[in-house]
Amino acid sequence: MNQITIYGIPNCDSVKKTLDFFKKRKVEITFHNYKKEGIQKATLLQWCKQVGWELLLNKKGTTWKKIAPDYEGIELNQQKAIEIMLENTSTIKRPVVVFAGKIIVGYDEVVLQSL
């Protein structure tokens, strides 16, 4: 069976729901904590190829709201979005579930059940 890795931060409600989803089903997962472990640029590039930077960059969270004034007037593109996510891992939408080379962004129980 392929390993499931969940990327996020432990105090995020969506991450907690995802962890509980797998725990209830007794599915073994690996948890990658952005706050402690960071994220690699190569990983973000790979994710962007699969789902696009627009989905990965969480512009609804409190971290984005704090830093958004720094980016007023700057056109966001993949390169800039990756720079932002590397510097502010809390701007990466959570959770990111990686399974068999594919990723799921955000909590979606229906999609998770298909794994």
N, C-alpha and C. Protein backbone atom coordinates (compact mmCIF):
# COMPACT_ATOMS: atom_id res chain seq x y z
N MET A 1 0.83 -1.19 0.00
CA MET A 1 0.00 0.00 0.00
C MET A 1 0.88 1.25 0.00
N ASN A 2 0.47 2.25 -0.71
CA ASN A 2 1.20 3.51 -0.76
C ASN A 2 1.04 4.26 0.55
N GLN A 3 2.10 4.96 0.94
CA GLN A 3 2.08 5.77 2.15
C GLN A 3 1.28 7.05 1.92
N ILE A 4 0.50 7.43 2.92
CA ILE A 4 -0.24 8.68 2.90
C ILE A 4 0.51 9.67 3.78
N THR A 5 0.79 10.84 3.22
CA THR A 5 1.43 11.90 3.98
C THR A 5 0.49 13.09 4.02
N ILE A 6 0.29 13.61 5.22
CA ILE A 6 -0.55 14.79 5.41
C ILE A 6 0.36 15.94 5.80
N TYR A 7 0.29 17.02 5.02
CA TYR A 7 1.06 18.23 5.28
C TYR A 7 0.15 19.27 5.90
N GLY A 8 0.64 19.92 6.94
CA GLY A 8 -0.15 20.97 7.57
C GLY A 8 0.45 21.43 8.87
N ILE A 9 -0.39 22.02 9.71
CA ILE A 9 0.02 22.41 11.05
C ILE A 9 -0.99 21.79 12.02
N PRO A 10 -0.51 21.32 13.17
CA PRO A 10 -1.37 20.53 14.05
C PRO A 10 -2.58 21.26 14.63
N ASN A 11 -2.54 22.58 14.74
CA ASN A 11 -3.67 23.29 15.36
C ASN A 11 -4.71 23.76 14.36
N CYS A 12 -4.59 23.37 13.10
CA CYS A 12 -5.55 23.75 12.06
C CYS A 12 -6.75 22.79 12.11
N ASP A 13 -7.96 23.33 12.14
CA ASP A 13 -9.17 22.50 12.23
C ASP A 13 -9.31 21.53 11.06
N SER A 14 -9.00 21.97 9.85
CA SER A 14 -9.10 21.08 8.69
C SER A 14 -8.09 19.95 8.77
N VAL A 15 -6.91 20.25 9.28
CA VAL A 15 -5.89 19.21 9.46
C VAL A 15 -6.36 18.23 10.53
N LYS A 16 -6.90 18.73 11.62
CA LYS A 16 -7.40 17.86 12.69
C LYS A 16 -8.49 16.93 12.15
N LYS A 17 -9.41 17.45 11.34
CA LYS A 17 -10.47 16.62 10.77
C LYS A 17 -9.88 15.53 9.89
N THR A 18 -8.86 15.89 9.11
CA THR A 18 -8.23 14.92 8.22
C THR A 18 -7.51 13.83 9.01
N LEU A 19 -6.78 14.24 10.04
CA LEU A 19 -6.09 13.26 10.89
C LEU A 19 -7.10 12.32 11.56
N ASP A 20 -8.19 12.89 12.07
CA ASP A 20 -9.24 12.07 12.69
C ASP A 20 -9.87 11.11 11.70
N PHE A 21 -10.08 11.58 10.45
CA PHE A 21 -10.66 10.74 9.41
C PHE A 21 -9.84 9.46 9.24
N PHE A 22 -8.51 9.60 9.14
CA PHE A 22 -7.66 8.43 8.94
C PHE A 22 -7.52 7.61 10.22
N LYS A 23 -7.48 8.28 11.36
CA LYS A 23 -7.36 7.56 12.64
C LYS A 23 -8.57 6.66 12.87
N LYS A 24 -9.77 7.15 12.59
CA LYS A 24 -10.99 6.36 12.77
C LYS A 24 -11.00 5.13 11.87
N ARG A 25 -10.34 5.23 10.74
CA ARG A 25 -10.28 4.11 9.80
C ARG A 25 -9.03 3.26 9.98
N LYS A 26 -8.26 3.59 11.03
CA LYS A 26 -7.03 2.86 11.36
C LYS A 26 -6.05 2.81 10.19
N VAL A 27 -5.97 3.94 9.48
CA VAL A 27 -5.05 4.06 8.34
C VAL A 27 -3.80 4.77 8.85
N GLU A 28 -2.67 4.16 8.61
CA GLU A 28 -1.40 4.74 9.04
C GLU A 28 -1.01 5.88 8.09
N ILE A 29 -0.63 6.99 8.68
CA ILE A 29 -0.23 8.16 7.89
C ILE A 29 1.09 8.71 8.44
N THR A 30 1.71 9.55 7.65
CA THR A 30 2.85 10.34 8.09
C THR A 30 2.40 11.78 8.11
N PHE A 31 2.72 12.49 9.19
CA PHE A 31 2.34 13.88 9.29
C PHE A 31 3.57 14.76 9.14
N HIS A 32 3.49 15.73 8.23
CA HIS A 32 4.57 16.69 7.99
C HIS A 32 4.11 18.05 8.50
N ASN A 33 4.75 18.51 9.57
CA ASN A 33 4.39 19.78 10.21
C ASN A 33 5.19 20.91 9.57
N TYR A 34 4.49 21.79 8.85
CA TYR A 34 5.16 22.92 8.20
C TYR A 34 5.94 23.78 9.19
N LYS A 35 5.38 23.98 10.35
CA LYS A 35 6.00 24.88 11.34
C LYS A 35 7.36 24.35 11.80
N LYS A 36 7.46 23.04 11.97
CA LYS A 36 8.71 22.44 12.45
C LYS A 36 9.64 22.02 11.32
N GLU A 37 9.06 21.53 10.22
CA GLU A 37 9.86 20.93 9.16
C GLU A 37 9.98 21.79 7.91
N GLY A 38 9.17 22.85 7.82
CA GLY A 38 9.20 23.67 6.62
C GLY A 38 8.68 22.92 5.41
N ILE A 39 9.00 23.43 4.24
CA ILE A 39 8.59 22.80 2.99
C ILE A 39 9.67 23.09 1.95
N GLN A 40 9.91 22.16 1.08
CA GLN A 40 10.92 22.31 0.04
C GLN A 40 10.31 22.98 -1.19
N LYS A 41 11.12 23.81 -1.84
CA LYS A 41 10.68 24.47 -3.07
C LYS A 41 10.29 23.44 -4.13
N ALA A 42 11.06 22.36 -4.23
CA ALA A 42 10.77 21.32 -5.22
C ALA A 42 9.40 20.69 -4.98
N THR A 43 9.03 20.55 -3.72
CA THR A 43 7.72 20.00 -3.39
C THR A 43 6.62 20.94 -3.84
N LEU A 44 6.77 22.23 -3.55
CA LEU A 44 5.77 23.20 -3.98
C LEU A 44 5.66 23.26 -5.50
N LEU A 45 6.79 23.18 -6.19
CA LEU A 45 6.76 23.17 -7.66
C LEU A 45 5.98 21.97 -8.18
N GLN A 46 6.21 20.82 -7.59
CA GLN A 46 5.51 19.60 -8.01
C GLN A 46 4.01 19.75 -7.76
N TRP A 47 3.64 20.27 -6.60
CA TRP A 47 2.22 20.46 -6.30
C TRP A 47 1.58 21.45 -7.26
N CYS A 48 2.30 22.52 -7.57
CA CYS A 48 1.77 23.53 -8.49
C CYS A 48 1.50 22.92 -9.86
N LYS A 49 2.35 22.00 -10.30
CA LYS A 49 2.13 21.34 -11.58
C LYS A 49 0.84 20.53 -11.56
N GLN A 50 0.52 19.97 -10.41
CA GLN A 50 -0.67 19.11 -10.31
C GLN A 50 -1.96 19.90 -10.12
N VAL A 51 -1.92 20.92 -9.25
CA VAL A 51 -3.19 21.59 -8.90
C VAL A 51 -3.17 23.10 -9.12
N GLY A 52 -2.01 23.66 -9.44
CA GLY A 52 -1.91 25.10 -9.66
C GLY A 52 -1.65 25.87 -8.37
N TRP A 53 -0.89 26.93 -8.51
CA TRP A 53 -0.53 27.73 -7.33
C TRP A 53 -1.74 28.45 -6.75
N GLU A 54 -2.71 28.74 -7.60
CA GLU A 54 -3.90 29.47 -7.15
C GLU A 54 -4.67 28.69 -6.08
N LEU A 55 -4.68 27.37 -6.19
CA LEU A 55 -5.34 26.54 -5.18
C LEU A 55 -4.49 26.42 -3.92
N LEU A 56 -3.19 26.34 -4.10
CA LEU A 56 -2.30 26.14 -2.95
C LEU A 56 -2.15 27.38 -2.07
N LEU A 57 -2.15 28.55 -2.67
CA LEU A 57 -1.95 29.78 -1.91
C LEU A 57 -3.27 30.18 -1.24
N ASN A 58 -3.30 30.08 0.07
CA ASN A 58 -4.51 30.37 0.84
C ASN A 58 -4.60 31.87 1.10
N LYS A 59 -5.43 32.54 0.33
CA LYS A 59 -5.59 33.98 0.47
C LYS A 59 -6.76 34.35 1.38
N LYS A 60 -7.32 33.35 2.07
CA LYS A 60 -8.44 33.61 2.97
C LYS A 60 -8.02 33.57 4.44
N GLY A 61 -6.83 33.09 4.72
CA GLY A 61 -6.39 32.93 6.10
C GLY A 61 -5.85 34.20 6.72
N THR A 62 -5.65 34.14 8.02
CA THR A 62 -5.16 35.31 8.76
C THR A 62 -3.73 35.69 8.38
N THR A 63 -2.91 34.70 8.06
CA THR A 63 -1.53 35.02 7.66
C THR A 63 -1.53 35.85 6.39
N TRP A 64 -2.33 35.46 5.40
CA TRP A 64 -2.39 36.22 4.16
C TRP A 64 -2.89 37.64 4.43
N LYS A 65 -3.90 37.75 5.25
CA LYS A 65 -4.46 39.07 5.55
C LYS A 65 -3.42 40.00 6.18
N LYS A 66 -2.51 39.41 6.98
CA LYS A 66 -1.44 40.21 7.59
C LYS A 66 -0.41 40.66 6.57
N ILE A 67 -0.08 39.77 5.63
CA ILE A 67 1.01 40.08 4.70
C ILE A 67 0.53 40.66 3.37
N ALA A 68 -0.75 40.60 3.09
CA ALA A 68 -1.29 41.07 1.80
C ALA A 68 -0.86 42.49 1.46
N PRO A 69 -0.83 43.43 2.41
CA PRO A 69 -0.41 44.79 2.06
C PRO A 69 1.01 44.84 1.45
N ASP A 70 1.86 43.89 1.82
CA ASP A 70 3.22 43.84 1.27
C ASP A 70 3.22 43.51 -0.21
N TYR A 71 2.12 42.94 -0.70
CA TYR A 71 2.07 42.48 -2.09
C TYR A 71 1.09 43.27 -2.94
N GLU A 72 0.57 44.37 -2.40
CA GLU A 72 -0.32 45.22 -3.19
C GLU A 72 0.44 45.77 -4.39
N GLY A 73 -0.19 45.70 -5.55
CA GLY A 73 0.43 46.21 -6.76
C GLY A 73 1.40 45.25 -7.42
N ILE A 74 1.66 44.12 -6.78
CA ILE A 74 2.56 43.11 -7.34
C ILE A 74 1.71 42.02 -7.98
N GLU A 75 1.99 41.72 -9.23
CA GLU A 75 1.25 40.66 -9.91
C GLU A 75 1.71 39.30 -9.38
N LEU A 76 0.78 38.55 -8.86
CA LEU A 76 1.12 37.22 -8.36
C LEU A 76 1.19 36.25 -9.53
N ASN A 77 2.21 35.42 -9.48
CA ASN A 77 2.37 34.34 -10.43
C ASN A 77 2.91 33.14 -9.65
N GLN A 78 3.17 32.05 -10.32
CA GLN A 78 3.62 30.85 -9.62
C GLN A 78 4.92 31.09 -8.86
N GLN A 79 5.88 31.74 -9.48
CA GLN A 79 7.17 31.97 -8.84
C GLN A 79 6.99 32.80 -7.56
N LYS A 80 6.22 33.87 -7.63
CA LYS A 80 6.00 34.73 -6.47
C LYS A 80 5.21 33.99 -5.40
N ALA A 81 4.21 33.23 -5.81
CA ALA A 81 3.40 32.47 -4.85
C ALA A 81 4.26 31.45 -4.10
N ILE A 82 5.17 30.79 -4.81
CA ILE A 82 6.05 29.83 -4.15
C ILE A 82 6.97 30.54 -3.16
N GLU A 83 7.50 31.69 -3.54
CA GLU A 83 8.33 32.47 -2.60
C GLU A 83 7.55 32.79 -1.33
N ILE A 84 6.32 33.23 -1.50
CA ILE A 84 5.46 33.58 -0.36
C ILE A 84 5.23 32.35 0.52
N MET A 85 4.90 31.21 -0.10
CA MET A 85 4.62 30.00 0.66
C MET A 85 5.86 29.47 1.37
N LEU A 86 7.04 29.65 0.76
CA LEU A 86 8.27 29.23 1.43
C LEU A 86 8.56 30.09 2.65
N GLU A 87 8.31 31.38 2.55
CA GLU A 87 8.56 32.30 3.66
C GLU A 87 7.48 32.25 4.72
N ASN A 88 6.26 31.95 4.32
CA ASN A 88 5.10 31.94 5.22
C ASN A 88 4.32 30.65 4.99
N THR A 89 4.77 29.56 5.61
CA THR A 89 4.14 28.26 5.34
C THR A 89 2.67 28.23 5.72
N SER A 90 2.23 29.14 6.57
CA SER A 90 0.81 29.20 6.93
C SER A 90 -0.07 29.68 5.78
N THR A 91 0.56 30.15 4.70
CA THR A 91 -0.23 30.56 3.53
C THR A 91 -0.50 29.39 2.58
N ILE A 92 0.00 28.22 2.91
CA ILE A 92 -0.29 27.04 2.10
C ILE A 92 -1.62 26.48 2.59
N LYS A 93 -2.57 26.31 1.67
CA LYS A 93 -3.87 25.79 2.06
C LYS A 93 -3.68 24.42 2.70
N ARG A 94 -4.48 24.16 3.72
CA ARG A 94 -4.31 22.93 4.48
C ARG A 94 -5.61 22.14 4.54
N PRO A 95 -5.43 20.84 4.70
CA PRO A 95 -4.20 20.08 4.58
C PRO A 95 -3.88 19.78 3.12
N VAL A 96 -2.68 19.32 2.90
CA VAL A 96 -2.32 18.74 1.61
C VAL A 96 -2.07 17.26 1.89
N VAL A 97 -2.85 16.41 1.24
CA VAL A 97 -2.73 14.97 1.42
C VAL A 97 -2.06 14.41 0.17
N VAL A 98 -0.95 13.70 0.38
CA VAL A 98 -0.20 13.11 -0.73
C VAL A 98 -0.33 11.59 -0.65
N PHE A 99 -0.78 11.01 -1.75
CA PHE A 99 -0.97 9.57 -1.82
C PHE A 99 -0.73 9.11 -3.25
N ALA A 100 0.17 8.17 -3.42
CA ALA A 100 0.46 7.58 -4.73
C ALA A 100 0.80 8.65 -5.78
N GLY A 101 1.56 9.66 -5.35
CA GLY A 101 2.00 10.70 -6.29
C GLY A 101 0.96 11.75 -6.61
N LYS A 102 -0.22 11.63 -6.05
CA LYS A 102 -1.28 12.61 -6.28
C LYS A 102 -1.52 13.39 -5.01
N ILE A 103 -2.13 14.58 -5.16
CA ILE A 103 -2.40 15.37 -3.98
C ILE A 103 -3.87 15.80 -3.92
N ILE A 104 -4.31 15.94 -2.69
CA ILE A 104 -5.64 16.48 -2.39
C ILE A 104 -5.39 17.70 -1.52
N VAL A 105 -5.98 18.83 -1.89
CA VAL A 105 -5.79 20.06 -1.14
C VAL A 105 -7.09 20.42 -0.44
N GLY A 106 -7.01 20.57 0.88
CA GLY A 106 -8.20 20.88 1.67
C GLY A 106 -8.88 19.61 2.14
N TYR A 107 -9.78 19.79 3.10
CA TYR A 107 -10.51 18.65 3.65
C TYR A 107 -11.75 18.39 2.80
N ASP A 108 -11.82 17.19 2.24
CA ASP A 108 -12.99 16.76 1.46
C ASP A 108 -13.19 15.27 1.74
N GLU A 109 -14.13 14.98 2.64
CA GLU A 109 -14.33 13.60 3.09
C GLU A 109 -14.66 12.65 1.94
N VAL A 110 -15.45 13.11 0.98
CA VAL A 110 -15.82 12.26 -0.15
C VAL A 110 -14.57 11.85 -0.95
N VAL A 111 -13.71 12.81 -1.19
CA VAL A 111 -12.47 12.52 -1.93
C VAL A 111 -11.55 11.62 -1.11
N LEU A 112 -11.45 11.89 0.18
CA LEU A 112 -10.59 11.07 1.05
C LEU A 112 -11.07 9.63 1.08
N GLN A 113 -12.36 9.41 1.05
CA GLN A 113 -12.89 8.05 1.07
C GLN A 113 -12.50 7.27 -0.18
N SER A 114 -12.14 7.95 -1.23
CA SER A 114 -11.77 7.27 -2.48
C SER A 114 -10.34 6.76 -2.45
N LEU A 115 -9.57 7.12 -1.42
CA LEU A 115 -8.17 6.66 -1.36
C LEU A 115 -8.10 5.19 -1.01
